[in-house]
C-alpha atoms as a PDB file:
ATOM      1  CA  MET A   1      -0.047   0.118  -0.023  1.00  0.00           C
ATOM      2  CA  LYS A   2       2.641   2.345   0.859  1.00  0.00           C
ATOM      3  CA  ALA A   3       4.693   1.672  -2.438  1.00  0.00           C
ATOM      4  CA  ALA A   4       1.384   2.150  -4.120  1.00  0.00           C
ATOM      5  CA  ALA A   5       1.042   5.572  -2.281  1.00  0.00           C
ATOM      6  CA  MET A   6       4.537   6.660  -3.391  1.00  0.00           C
ATOM      7  CA  ARG A   7       3.946   5.859  -6.971  1.00  0.00           C
ATOM      8  CA  ILE A   8       0.894   7.918  -7.067  1.00  0.00           C
ATOM      9  CA  ASN A   9       2.428  10.784  -5.262  1.00  0.00           C
ATOM     10  CA  LYS A  10       5.343  10.618  -7.736  1.00  0.00           C
ATOM     11  CA  THR A  11       2.897  10.572 -10.726  1.00  0.00           C
ATOM     12  CA  LEU A  12       1.083  13.552  -9.473  1.00  0.00           C
ATOM     13  CA  VAL A  13       4.402  15.661  -8.988  1.00  0.00           C
ATOM     14  CA  ARG A  14       5.590  14.759 -12.364  1.00  0.00           C
ATOM     15  CA  ARG A  15       2.225  15.707 -13.761  1.00  0.00           C
ATOM     16  CA  GLU A  16       2.830  19.139 -12.362  1.00  0.00           C
ATOM     17  CA  PHE A  17       5.995  19.663 -14.129  1.00  0.00           C
ATOM     18  CA  TRP A  18       4.517  18.117 -17.300  1.00  0.00           C
ATOM     19  CA  GLU A  19       1.866  20.798 -17.236  1.00  0.00           C
ATOM     20  CA  ASN A  20       3.817  23.464 -15.750  1.00  0.00           C
ATOM     21  CA  ARG A  21       7.239  23.586 -17.757  1.00  0.00           C
ATOM     22  CA  SER A  22       8.077  27.044 -16.454  1.00  0.00           C
ATOM     23  CA  LEU A  23       8.973  25.372 -13.231  1.00  0.00           C
ATOM     24  CA  TRP A  24      12.307  24.127 -15.049  1.00  0.00           C
ATOM     25  CA  ILE A  25      12.395  26.048 -18.398  1.00  0.00           C
ATOM     26  CA  VAL A  26      13.013  29.459 -16.431  1.00  0.00           C
ATOM     27  CA  PRO A  27      15.788  28.276 -14.428  1.00  0.00           C
ATOM     28  CA  ALA A  28      17.452  26.841 -17.485  1.00  0.00           C
ATOM     29  CA  VAL A  29      17.177  29.979 -18.950  1.00  0.00           C
ATOM     30  CA  VAL A  30      18.939  31.880 -16.199  1.00  0.00           C
ATOM     31  CA  ILE A  31      21.562  29.455 -16.036  1.00  0.00           C
ATOM     32  CA  GLY A  32      22.183  30.202 -19.793  1.00  0.00           C
ATOM     33  CA  LEU A  33      22.139  33.856 -19.383  1.00  0.00           C
ATOM     34  CA  PHE A  34      24.761  33.646 -16.303  1.00  0.00           C
ATOM     35  CA  THR A  35      26.778  31.368 -18.466  1.00  0.00           C
ATOM     36  CA  LEU A  36      26.781  33.626 -21.655  1.00  0.00           C
ATOM     37  CA  THR A  37      27.568  36.437 -19.403  1.00  0.00           C
ATOM     38  CA  SER A  38      30.338  34.743 -17.730  1.00  0.00           C
ATOM     39  CA  ILE A  39      31.845  33.657 -21.382  1.00  0.00           C
ATOM     40  CA  LEU A  40      31.341  37.503 -22.571  1.00  0.00           C
ATOM     41  CA  LYS A  41      33.339  38.759 -19.670  1.00  0.00           C
ATOM     42  CA  VAL A  42      36.235  36.093 -20.130  1.00  0.00           C
ATOM     43  CA  LEU A  43      36.395  36.893 -24.021  1.00  0.00           C
ATOM     44  CA  LEU A  44      36.412  40.672 -23.433  1.00  0.00           C
ATOM     45  CA  VAL A  45      39.434  40.295 -21.200  1.00  0.00           C
ATOM     46  CA  LEU A  46      41.141  37.813 -23.487  1.00  0.00           C
ATOM     47  CA  SER A  47      40.750  40.044 -26.135  1.00  0.00           C
ATOM     48  CA  GLY A  48      42.157  42.851 -24.344  1.00  0.00           C
ATOM     49  CA  HIS A  49      39.006  45.232 -24.494  1.00  0.00           C
ATOM     50  CA  VAL A  50      38.705  45.237 -20.671  1.00  0.00           C
ATOM     51  CA  ALA A  51      41.478  45.007 -18.018  1.00  0.00           C
ATOM     52  CA  VAL A  52      41.718  42.635 -15.239  1.00  0.00           C
ATOM     53  CA  ASN A  53      40.943  44.214 -12.008  1.00  0.00           C
ATOM     54  CA  SER A  54      44.557  46.001 -11.079  1.00  0.00           C
ATOM     55  CA  GLY A  55      43.336  47.359  -7.845  1.00  0.00           C
ATOM     56  CA  ASP A  56      42.242  50.851  -9.164  1.00  0.00           C
ATOM     57  CA  GLY A  57      38.882  49.455 -10.033  1.00  0.00           C
ATOM     58  CA  GLU A  58      39.185  51.101 -13.526  1.00  0.00           C
ATOM     59  CA  GLY A  59      37.699  49.034 -16.614  1.00  0.00           C
ATOM     60  CA  VAL A  60      36.909  46.117 -14.643  1.00  0.00           C
ATOM     61  CA  VAL A  61      34.699  43.367 -15.875  1.00  0.00           C
ATOM     62  CA  PHE A  62      36.349  40.268 -14.475  1.00  0.00           C
ATOM     63  CA  ASN A  63      37.235  41.294 -10.736  1.00  0.00           C
ATOM     64  CA  GLY A  64      37.325  37.841  -8.607  1.00  0.00           C
ATOM     65  CA  PRO A  65      39.772  37.494  -5.976  1.00  0.00           C
ATOM     66  CA  ASP A  66      43.456  36.346  -7.178  1.00  0.00           C
ATOM     67  CA  MET A  67      43.271  32.965  -5.290  1.00  0.00           C
ATOM     68  CA  ALA A  68      47.216  32.987  -5.021  1.00  0.00           C
ATOM     69  CA  ASP A  69      46.963  35.461  -2.762  1.00  0.00           C
ATOM     70  CA  ALA A  70      44.191  34.356  -0.432  1.00  0.00           C
ATOM     71  CA  GLU A  71      44.774  32.317   2.831  1.00  0.00           C
ATOM     72  CA  PRO A  72      43.375  28.624   2.540  1.00  0.00           C
ATOM     73  CA  GLY A  73      40.946  29.512   5.162  1.00  0.00           C
ATOM     74  CA  GLU A  74      39.732  32.589   3.212  1.00  0.00           C
ATOM     75  CA  VAL A  75      39.194  30.439  -0.031  1.00  0.00           C
ATOM     76  CA  ALA A  76      37.473  27.640   1.855  1.00  0.00           C
ATOM     77  CA  ALA A  77      35.013  30.509   3.455  1.00  0.00           C
ATOM     78  CA  LEU A  78      34.545  31.874  -0.046  1.00  0.00           C
ATOM     79  CA  LEU A  79      33.517  28.445  -1.428  1.00  0.00           C
ATOM     80  CA  ARG A  80      31.093  28.150   1.542  1.00  0.00           C
ATOM     81  CA  VAL A  81      29.302  31.471   1.029  1.00  0.00           C
ATOM     82  CA  SER A  82      29.371  31.752  -2.821  1.00  0.00           C
ATOM     83  CA  PRO A  83      26.408  29.412  -3.190  1.00  0.00           C
ATOM     84  CA  LEU A  84      24.197  31.645  -0.778  1.00  0.00           C
ATOM     85  CA  PHE A  85      25.148  34.795  -2.808  1.00  0.00           C
ATOM     86  CA  LEU A  86      24.680  33.001  -6.259  1.00  0.00           C
ATOM     87  CA  GLY A  87      21.439  31.595  -5.133  1.00  0.00           C
ATOM     88  CA  VAL A  88      19.939  35.247  -4.316  1.00  0.00           C
ATOM     89  CA  PRO A  89      18.845  35.792  -7.862  1.00  0.00           C
ATOM     90  CA  PHE A  90      17.856  32.177  -8.634  1.00  0.00           C
ATOM     91  CA  ASN A  91      15.622  32.160  -5.340  1.00  0.00           C
ATOM     92  CA  PHE A  92      14.151  35.309  -6.465  1.00  0.00           C
ATOM     93  CA  VAL A  93      13.216  34.221  -9.982  1.00  0.00           C
ATOM     94  CA  MET A  94      12.004  31.009  -8.316  1.00  0.00           C
ATOM     95  CA  LEU A  95       9.690  32.555  -6.106  1.00  0.00           C
ATOM     96  CA  ILE A  96       8.128  34.637  -8.837  1.00  0.00           C
ATOM     97  CA  VAL A  97       7.690  31.506 -10.903  1.00  0.00           C
ATOM     98  CA  VAL A  98       6.275  29.614  -7.735  1.00  0.00           C
ATOM     99  CA  PHE A  99       3.893  32.505  -7.005  1.00  0.00           C
ATOM    100  CA  PHE A 100       2.221  32.261 -10.659  1.00  0.00           C
ATOM    101  CA  TYR A 101       2.402  28.509 -10.388  1.00  0.00           C
ATOM    102  CA  MET A 102       0.165  28.460  -7.368  1.00  0.00           C
ATOM    103  CA  LEU A 103      -1.982  30.976  -8.395  1.00  0.00           C
ATOM    104  CA  ASP A 104      -2.884  28.901 -11.346  1.00  0.00           C
ATOM    105  CA  SER A 105      -2.369  25.294  -9.399  1.00  0.00           C
ATOM    106  CA  LEU A 106      -6.183  24.955  -8.508  1.00  0.00           C
ATOM    107  CA  TYR A 107      -7.861  27.706 -10.815  1.00  0.00           C
ATOM    108  CA  ALA A 108      -6.659  26.056 -14.105  1.00  0.00           C
ATOM    109  CA  ASP A 109      -8.363  22.658 -13.304  1.00  0.00           C
ATOM    110  CA  ARG A 110     -11.573  24.275 -13.047  1.00  0.00           C
ATOM    111  CA  ARG A 111     -11.169  26.708 -15.937  1.00  0.00           C
ATOM    112  CA  ASP A 112     -10.467  23.698 -18.523  1.00  0.00           C
ATOM    113  CA  ARG A 113     -12.496  21.240 -16.456  1.00  0.00           C
ATOM    114  CA  SER A 114      -9.929  18.908 -16.158  1.00  0.00           C
ATOM    115  CA  VAL A 115     -10.833  18.580 -12.397  1.00  0.00           C
ATOM    116  CA  LEU A 116     -13.869  16.369 -13.501  1.00  0.00           C
ATOM    117  CA  PHE A 117     -11.138  13.989 -15.015  1.00  0.00           C
ATOM    118  CA  TRP A 118      -9.186  13.784 -12.129  1.00  0.00           C
ATOM    119  CA  ARG A 119     -12.184  13.342  -9.838  1.00  0.00           C
ATOM    120  CA  SER A 120     -12.886  10.430 -11.560  1.00  0.00           C
ATOM    121  CA  MET A 121      -9.446   8.725 -10.815  1.00  0.00           C
ATOM    122  CA  PRO A 122      -9.170   7.093  -7.322  1.00  0.00           C
ATOM    123  CA  ILE A 123      -7.176  10.318  -6.251  1.00  0.00           C
ATOM    124  CA  SER A 124      -8.523  12.310  -3.142  1.00  0.00           C
ATOM    125  CA  ASP A 125      -8.584  16.221  -3.619  1.00  0.00           C
ATOM    126  CA  THR A 126      -6.284  16.354  -0.275  1.00  0.00           C
ATOM    127  CA  ARG A 127      -3.449  14.327  -2.251  1.00  0.00           C
ATOM    128  CA  THR A 128      -3.632  16.402  -5.219  1.00  0.00           C
ATOM    129  CA  VAL A 129      -3.424  19.979  -3.310  1.00  0.00           C
ATOM    130  CA  LEU A 130      -0.884  18.430  -1.187  1.00  0.00           C
ATOM    131  CA  ALA A 131       0.823  17.266  -4.296  1.00  0.00           C
ATOM    132  CA  LYS A 132       0.848  20.785  -5.724  1.00  0.00           C
ATOM    133  CA  LEU A 133       2.228  22.333  -2.500  1.00  0.00           C
ATOM    134  CA  PHE A 134       5.195  20.156  -2.414  1.00  0.00           C
ATOM    135  CA  THR A 135       5.791  20.889  -6.102  1.00  0.00           C
ATOM    136  CA  GLY A 136       5.886  24.520  -5.608  1.00  0.00           C
ATOM    137  CA  ALA A 137       7.343  24.597  -1.771  1.00  0.00           C
ATOM    138  CA  PHE A 138       9.849  21.665  -1.956  1.00  0.00           C
ATOM    139  CA  ALA A 139      10.363  20.395  -5.764  1.00  0.00           C
ATOM    140  CA  ALA A 140      11.035  23.928  -7.060  1.00  0.00           C
ATOM    141  CA  THR A 141      13.373  24.517  -4.213  1.00  0.00           C
ATOM    142  CA  ALA A 142      15.448  21.490  -5.214  1.00  0.00           C
ATOM    143  CA  ILE A 143      15.560  22.952  -8.619  1.00  0.00           C
ATOM    144  CA  THR A 144      16.868  26.052  -7.417  1.00  0.00           C
ATOM    145  CA  LEU A 145      19.481  24.033  -5.471  1.00  0.00           C
ATOM    146  CA  GLY A 146      20.548  22.147  -8.766  1.00  0.00           C
ATOM    147  CA  ALA A 147      20.562  25.291 -10.990  1.00  0.00           C
ATOM    148  CA  VAL A 148      23.015  27.064  -8.470  1.00  0.00           C
ATOM    149  CA  VAL A 149      25.462  23.974  -8.244  1.00  0.00           C
ATOM    150  CA  VAL A 150      25.459  23.949 -12.184  1.00  0.00           C
ATOM    151  CA  THR A 151      26.079  27.612 -12.795  1.00  0.00           C
ATOM    152  CA  GLN A 152      28.676  27.516  -9.940  1.00  0.00           C
ATOM    153  CA  LEU A 153      30.519  24.408 -11.747  1.00  0.00           C
ATOM    154  CA  ILE A 154      30.305  26.232 -14.958  1.00  0.00           C
ATOM    155  CA  THR A 155      31.623  29.352 -13.466  1.00  0.00           C
ATOM    156  CA  ILE A 156      34.635  27.485 -12.111  1.00  0.00           C
ATOM    157  CA  LEU A 157      35.082  25.507 -15.176  1.00  0.00           C
ATOM    158  CA  LEU A 158      35.419  28.922 -16.909  1.00  0.00           C
ATOM    159  CA  GLY A 159      37.925  30.301 -14.434  1.00  0.00           C
ATOM    160  CA  LEU A 160      39.921  26.828 -14.705  1.00  0.00           C
ATOM    161  CA  LEU A 161      40.210  27.348 -18.670  1.00  0.00           C
ATOM    162  CA  THR A 162      41.199  31.025 -18.506  1.00  0.00           C
ATOM    163  CA  GLY A 163      42.839  31.621 -15.078  1.00  0.00           C
ATOM    164  CA  GLY A 164      46.238  31.357 -16.367  1.00  0.00           C
ATOM    165  CA  THR A 165      45.519  34.370 -18.570  1.00  0.00           C
ATOM    166  CA  LEU A 166      43.603  36.254 -16.307  1.00  0.00           C
ATOM    167  CA  VAL A 167      46.258  35.634 -13.367  1.00  0.00           C
ATOM    168  CA  LYS A 168      43.351  34.626 -11.063  1.00  0.00           C
ATOM    169  CA  HIS A 169      44.719  30.783 -10.233  1.00  0.00           C
ATOM    170  CA  PRO A 170      40.962  29.612  -9.773  1.00  0.00           C
ATOM    171  CA  TRP A 171      42.463  26.123  -9.549  1.00  0.00           C
ATOM    172  CA  LEU A 172      43.073  26.582  -5.785  1.00  0.00           C
ATOM    173  CA  LEU A 173      39.178  26.209  -5.374  1.00  0.00           C
ATOM    174  CA  LEU A 174      39.555  22.416  -6.202  1.00  0.00           C
ATOM    175  CA  THR A 175      41.841  22.108  -3.061  1.00  0.00           C
ATOM    176  CA  HIS A 176      38.857  22.715  -1.029  1.00  0.00           C
ATOM    177  CA  PRO A 177      36.144  20.049  -2.196  1.00  0.00           C
ATOM    178  CA  VAL A 178      34.764  19.846   1.332  1.00  0.00           C
ATOM    179  CA  ALA A 179      34.038  23.426   1.433  1.00  0.00           C
ATOM    180  CA  MET A 180      32.509  23.545  -1.898  1.00  0.00           C
ATOM    181  CA  LEU A 181      30.047  20.615  -0.713  1.00  0.00           C
ATOM    182  CA  GLU A 182      29.404  22.579   2.805  1.00  0.00           C
ATOM    183  CA  GLY A 183      28.562  25.513   0.618  1.00  0.00           C
ATOM    184  CA  TRP A 184      25.601  23.580  -1.152  1.00  0.00           C
ATOM    185  CA  LEU A 185      24.454  21.865   1.839  1.00  0.00           C
ATOM    186  CA  LEU A 186      24.337  25.651   3.533  1.00  0.00           C
ATOM    187  CA  LEU A 187      22.169  26.598   0.561  1.00  0.00           C
ATOM    188  CA  ALA A 188      20.008  23.451   0.915  1.00  0.00           C
ATOM    189  CA  TYR A 189      19.588  24.267   4.247  1.00  0.00           C
ATOM    190  CA  ALA A 190      18.615  27.871   3.926  1.00  0.00           C
ATOM    191  CA  LEU A 191      16.065  27.009   0.918  1.00  0.00           C
ATOM    192  CA  VAL A 192      14.307  24.376   3.097  1.00  0.00           C
ATOM    193  CA  CYS A 193      14.000  26.387   5.951  1.00  0.00           C
ATOM    194  CA  GLN A 194      12.581  29.361   3.640  1.00  0.00           C
ATOM    195  CA  SER A 195      10.062  26.989   2.110  1.00  0.00           C
ATOM    196  CA  ILE A 196       8.757  25.925   5.622  1.00  0.00           C
ATOM    197  CA  TRP A 197       8.594  29.329   6.827  1.00  0.00           C
ATOM    198  CA  PHE A 198       6.658  30.598   3.422  1.00  0.00           C
ATOM    199  CA  LEU A 199       3.757  28.205   4.148  1.00  0.00           C
ATOM    200  CA  PRO A 200       1.596  31.314   4.739  1.00  0.00           C
ATOM    201  CA  PHE A 201       2.006  32.743   1.561  1.00  0.00           C
ATOM    202  CA  TYR A 202       1.735  29.238  -0.186  1.00  0.00           C
ATOM    203  CA  GLY A 203      -1.308  28.616   1.453  1.00  0.00           C
ATOM    204  CA  TRP A 204      -2.861  31.978   0.632  1.00  0.00           C
ATOM    205  CA  TRP A 205      -1.797  31.806  -2.879  1.00  0.00           C
ATOM    206  CA  MET A 206      -3.488  28.179  -3.358  1.00  0.00           C
ATOM    207  CA  LEU A 207      -6.909  29.454  -1.287  1.00  0.00           C
ATOM    208  CA  ALA A 208      -6.891  32.247  -4.008  1.00  0.00           C
ATOM    209  CA  SER A 209      -6.479  29.859  -6.825  1.00  0.00           C
ATOM    210  CA  ALA A 210      -9.218  27.534  -5.392  1.00  0.00           C
ATOM    211  CA  TRP A 211     -11.628  30.692  -4.573  1.00  0.00           C
ATOM    212  CA  ALA A 212     -11.227  32.454  -7.540  1.00  0.00           C
ATOM    213  CA  ARG A 213     -13.767  32.352 -10.449  1.00  0.00           C
ATOM    214  CA  LYS A 214     -11.763  34.815 -12.522  1.00  0.00           C
ATOM    215  CA  ALA A 215      -8.496  36.618 -12.172  1.00  0.00           C
ATOM    216  CA  PRO A 216      -6.735  34.673  -9.124  1.00  0.00           C
ATOM    217  CA  LEU A 217      -4.205  37.156  -9.081  1.00  0.00           C
ATOM    218  CA  LEU A 218      -6.493  39.999  -8.133  1.00  0.00           C
ATOM    219  CA  TRP A 219      -7.851  37.705  -5.177  1.00  0.00           C
ATOM    220  CA  ALA A 220      -4.360  37.007  -3.991  1.00  0.00           C
ATOM    221  CA  VAL A 221      -3.227  40.715  -4.042  1.00  0.00           C
ATOM    222  CA  LEU A 222      -6.236  42.731  -3.441  1.00  0.00           C
ATOM    223  CA  PRO A 223      -7.722  41.574  -0.129  1.00  0.00           C
ATOM    224  CA  PRO A 224      -4.275  42.397   1.580  1.00  0.00           C
ATOM    225  CA  VAL A 225      -3.827  45.708   0.113  1.00  0.00           C
ATOM    226  CA  LEU A 226      -7.262  46.611   1.136  1.00  0.00           C
ATOM    227  CA  VAL A 227      -6.458  45.663   4.394  1.00  0.00           C
ATOM    228  CA  MET A 228      -3.273  47.884   4.388  1.00  0.00           C
ATOM    229  CA  VAL A 229      -5.378  50.857   3.161  1.00  0.00           C
ATOM    230  CA  MET A 230      -8.184  50.451   5.526  1.00  0.00           C
ATOM    231  CA  GLU A 231      -5.910  50.087   8.435  1.00  0.00           C
ATOM    232  CA  GLY A 232      -3.988  53.242   7.204  1.00  0.00           C
ATOM    233  CA  VAL A 233      -7.169  55.251   6.584  1.00  0.00           C
ATOM    234  CA  LEU A 234      -8.868  54.329   9.958  1.00  0.00           C
ATOM    235  CA  PHE A 235      -5.871  54.155  12.525  1.00  0.00           C
ATOM    236  CA  ARG A 236      -3.089  55.681  10.757  1.00  0.00           C
ATOM    237  CA  THR A 237      -0.991  52.775  11.259  1.00  0.00           C
ATOM    238  CA  ALA A 238       0.973  50.019   8.931  1.00  0.00           C
ATOM    239  CA  HIS A 239       0.968  47.154  11.523  1.00  0.00           C
ATOM    240  CA  PHE A 240      -0.190  44.683   8.778  1.00  0.00           C
ATOM    241  CA  ALA A 241       2.114  45.641   6.109  1.00  0.00           C
ATOM    242  CA  HIS A 242       5.024  45.546   8.707  1.00  0.00           C
ATOM    243  CA  LEU A 243       3.997  42.009   9.449  1.00  0.00           C
ATOM    244  CA  ILE A 244       3.854  40.785   6.028  1.00  0.00           C
ATOM    245  CA  TRP A 245       7.329  42.400   5.316  1.00  0.00           C
ATOM    246  CA  HIS A 246       8.887  41.073   8.343  1.00  0.00           C
ATOM    247  CA  HIS A 247       7.666  37.279   8.149  1.00  0.00           C
ATOM    248  CA  THR A 248       8.990  37.611   4.452  1.00  0.00           C
ATOM    249  CA  VAL A 249      12.642  38.421   5.916  1.00  0.00           C
ATOM    250  CA  ASP A 250      12.534  37.372   9.564  1.00  0.00           C
ATOM    251  CA  TRP A 251      13.617  33.816   8.928  1.00  0.00           C
ATOM    252  CA  ILE A 252      17.184  35.030   7.919  1.00  0.00           C
ATOM    253  CA  GLY A 253      17.948  36.305  11.190  1.00  0.00           C
ATOM    254  CA  LEU A 254      16.906  33.355  12.964  1.00  0.00           C
ATOM    255  CA  VAL A 255      18.426  30.759  10.620  1.00  0.00           C
ATOM    256  CA  PHE A 256      21.864  32.543  10.177  1.00  0.00           C
ATOM    257  CA  ASN A 257      23.862  34.720  12.629  1.00  0.00           C
ATOM    258  CA  VAL A 258      22.769  37.531  10.462  1.00  0.00           C
ATOM    259  CA  ASP A 259      20.770  40.492  11.239  1.00  0.00           C
ATOM    260  CA  PRO A 260      18.908  41.184   7.969  1.00  0.00           C
ATOM    261  CA  PHE A 261      18.143  44.902   8.554  1.00  0.00           C
ATOM    262  CA  ARG A 262      21.790  45.469   9.307  1.00  0.00           C
ATOM    263  CA  THR A 263      25.214  45.182   7.683  1.00  0.00           C
ATOM    264  CA  GLY A 264      27.291  41.837   8.786  1.00  0.00           C
ATOM    265  CA  MET A 265      26.824  39.737  11.177  1.00  0.00           C
ATOM    266  CA  ARG A 266      25.507  39.540  14.950  1.00  0.00           C
ATOM    267  CA  SER A 267      28.977  39.196  16.100  1.00  0.00           C
ATOM    268  CA  GLY A 268      30.375  41.973  13.682  1.00  0.00           C
ATOM    269  CA  ARG A 269      32.670  39.739  11.968  1.00  0.00           C
ATOM    270  CA  ASP A 270      33.077  39.693   8.150  1.00  0.00           C
ATOM    271  CA  LEU A 271      30.246  37.382   6.739  1.00  0.00           C
ATOM    272  CA  VAL A 272      32.555  36.200   3.921  1.00  0.00           C
ATOM    273  CA  PHE A 273      35.484  35.005   5.723  1.00  0.00           C
ATOM    274  CA  ASP A 274      34.090  33.740   8.759  1.00  0.00           C
ATOM    275  CA  GLY A 275      32.517  30.265   9.305  1.00  0.00           C
ATOM    276  CA  GLY A 276      30.118  31.509  12.477  1.00  0.00           C
ATOM    277  CA  TYR A 277      27.089  32.430  10.146  1.00  0.00           C
ATOM    278  CA  VAL A 278      25.458  29.173  10.567  1.00  0.00           C
ATOM    279  CA  SER A 279      25.221  27.186  14.035  1.00  0.00           C
ATOM    280  CA  ILE A 280      23.162  24.826  16.028  1.00  0.00           C
ATOM    281  CA  ASP A 281      21.594  27.898  17.808  1.00  0.00           C
ATOM    282  CA  GLY A 282      20.271  29.253  14.684  1.00  0.00           C
ATOM    283  CA  LEU A 283      18.451  25.990  13.913  1.00  0.00           C
ATOM    284  CA  GLY A 284      17.245  26.058  17.589  1.00  0.00           C
ATOM    285  CA  ARG A 285      16.172  29.851  17.136  1.00  0.00           C
ATOM    286  CA  PHE A 286      14.226  28.743  13.884  1.00  0.00           C
ATOM    287  CA  LEU A 287      12.460  25.722  15.453  1.00  0.00           C
ATOM    288  CA  GLY A 288      11.722  27.519  18.511  1.00  0.00           C
ATOM    289  CA  SER A 289      10.441  30.824  16.984  1.00  0.00           C
ATOM    290  CA  PRO A 290       6.631  31.378  18.058  1.00  0.00           C
ATOM    291  CA  GLU A 291       6.337  33.136  14.447  1.00  0.00           C
ATOM    292  CA  LEU A 292       7.150  29.809  12.622  1.00  0.00           C
ATOM    293  CA  TRP A 293       4.571  28.017  14.388  1.00  0.00           C
ATOM    294  CA  ILE A 294       1.921  30.482  14.348  1.00  0.00           C
ATOM    295  CA  GLY A 295       2.623  30.759  10.561  1.00  0.00           C
ATOM    296  CA  LEU A 296       2.533  27.105  10.016  1.00  0.00           C
ATOM    297  CA  VAL A 297      -1.094  26.985  11.519  1.00  0.00           C
ATOM    298  CA  ILE A 298      -2.238  29.798   9.466  1.00  0.00           C
ATOM    299  CA  GLY A 299      -0.757  28.305   6.481  1.00  0.00           C
ATOM    300  CA  ALA A 300      -2.423  24.701   7.101  1.00  0.00           C
ATOM    301  CA  ALA A 301      -5.841  26.618   7.601  1.00  0.00           C
ATOM    302  CA  PHE A 302      -5.218  27.989   4.158  1.00  0.00           C
ATOM    303  CA  ILE A 303      -4.430  24.622   2.882  1.00  0.00           C
ATOM    304  CA  TYR A 304      -7.415  23.153   4.424  1.00  0.00           C
ATOM    305  CA  GLY A 305      -9.567  25.825   2.875  1.00  0.00           C
ATOM    306  CA  ALA A 306      -8.175  25.248  -0.634  1.00  0.00           C
ATOM    307  CA  ILE A 307      -8.774  21.542  -0.088  1.00  0.00           C
ATOM    308  CA  TRP A 308     -12.320  22.181   0.880  1.00  0.00           C
ATOM    309  CA  LEU A 309     -13.150  24.770  -1.819  1.00  0.00           C
ATOM    310  CA  ARG A 310     -11.682  22.254  -4.340  1.00  0.00           C
ATOM    311  CA  ARG A 311     -13.767  19.416  -3.207  1.00  0.00           C
ATOM    312  CA  THR A 312     -17.074  21.667  -3.142  1.00  0.00           C
ATOM    313  CA  ARG A 313     -16.331  23.760  -6.370  1.00  0.00           C
ATOM    314  CA  SER A 314     -15.707  22.375  -9.856  1.00  0.00           C
ATOM    315  CA  GLU A 315     -16.683  24.891 -12.545  1.00  0.00           C
ATOM    316  CA  ILE A 316     -15.880  28.676 -12.903  1.00  0.00           C
END
């Protein structure tokens, strides 16, 4: 029975990728853009049209650090944090993709009447909704991680091919494979924590998708905006807007030893060349945060509402 249930779950997730190709096409395009940009920078330097960074900052396109002058600890620390910085644009793009995916996830089935076909199958509405949630919250996260890893490897490969000419000695990066793996694990840790923390957002988007008869984007955006406007008009405050903003970024300060509203680490040391930005204490702060558990309860309520609406509303 468990094996059959796992096969059904895998099929449901695969179906989401078949029907929503943007989930993997968009990150592939971003990888291509990063690669083309890196190749262009290298070609400009090799052709002599742009100078390598010489310290004065003029005419710089390829301005990576000269690994020959770096301490081993600095090289290792750079490898640990570079996936985090590289992951920022990929994560931002994928959050946009997931936003539109979840807004369309339950609305599209009713729009094209395919919900009637899926109801004829021995698959419950609960399983279908949870499969869509898993796809947007965690499968897309895995794609983000994979895209960052591929991009970093391509960047390192380009550096290895041109390092001698650019006097950058990137081959030293290969002497710290454990640090590179640690960087990828650190990014995976951050992305998983973000997905769990964002459950209220995911649940709200899916609830709007299940509720809307037209324009689910408006149903997802207008109610929060109206609450903000009414609060501002009636009470001259912006607590709801601050609540949403803080819930978007508060997880960073809990998971890492970093204050997202200030520069640098909590300890005041350099983020790039120090290993103290993640610790067991950070995981404890995250798991022990009341904001996390309140958000999970709210998100679960939204998901339950989306399941109930899918079960009771079949047509637009």
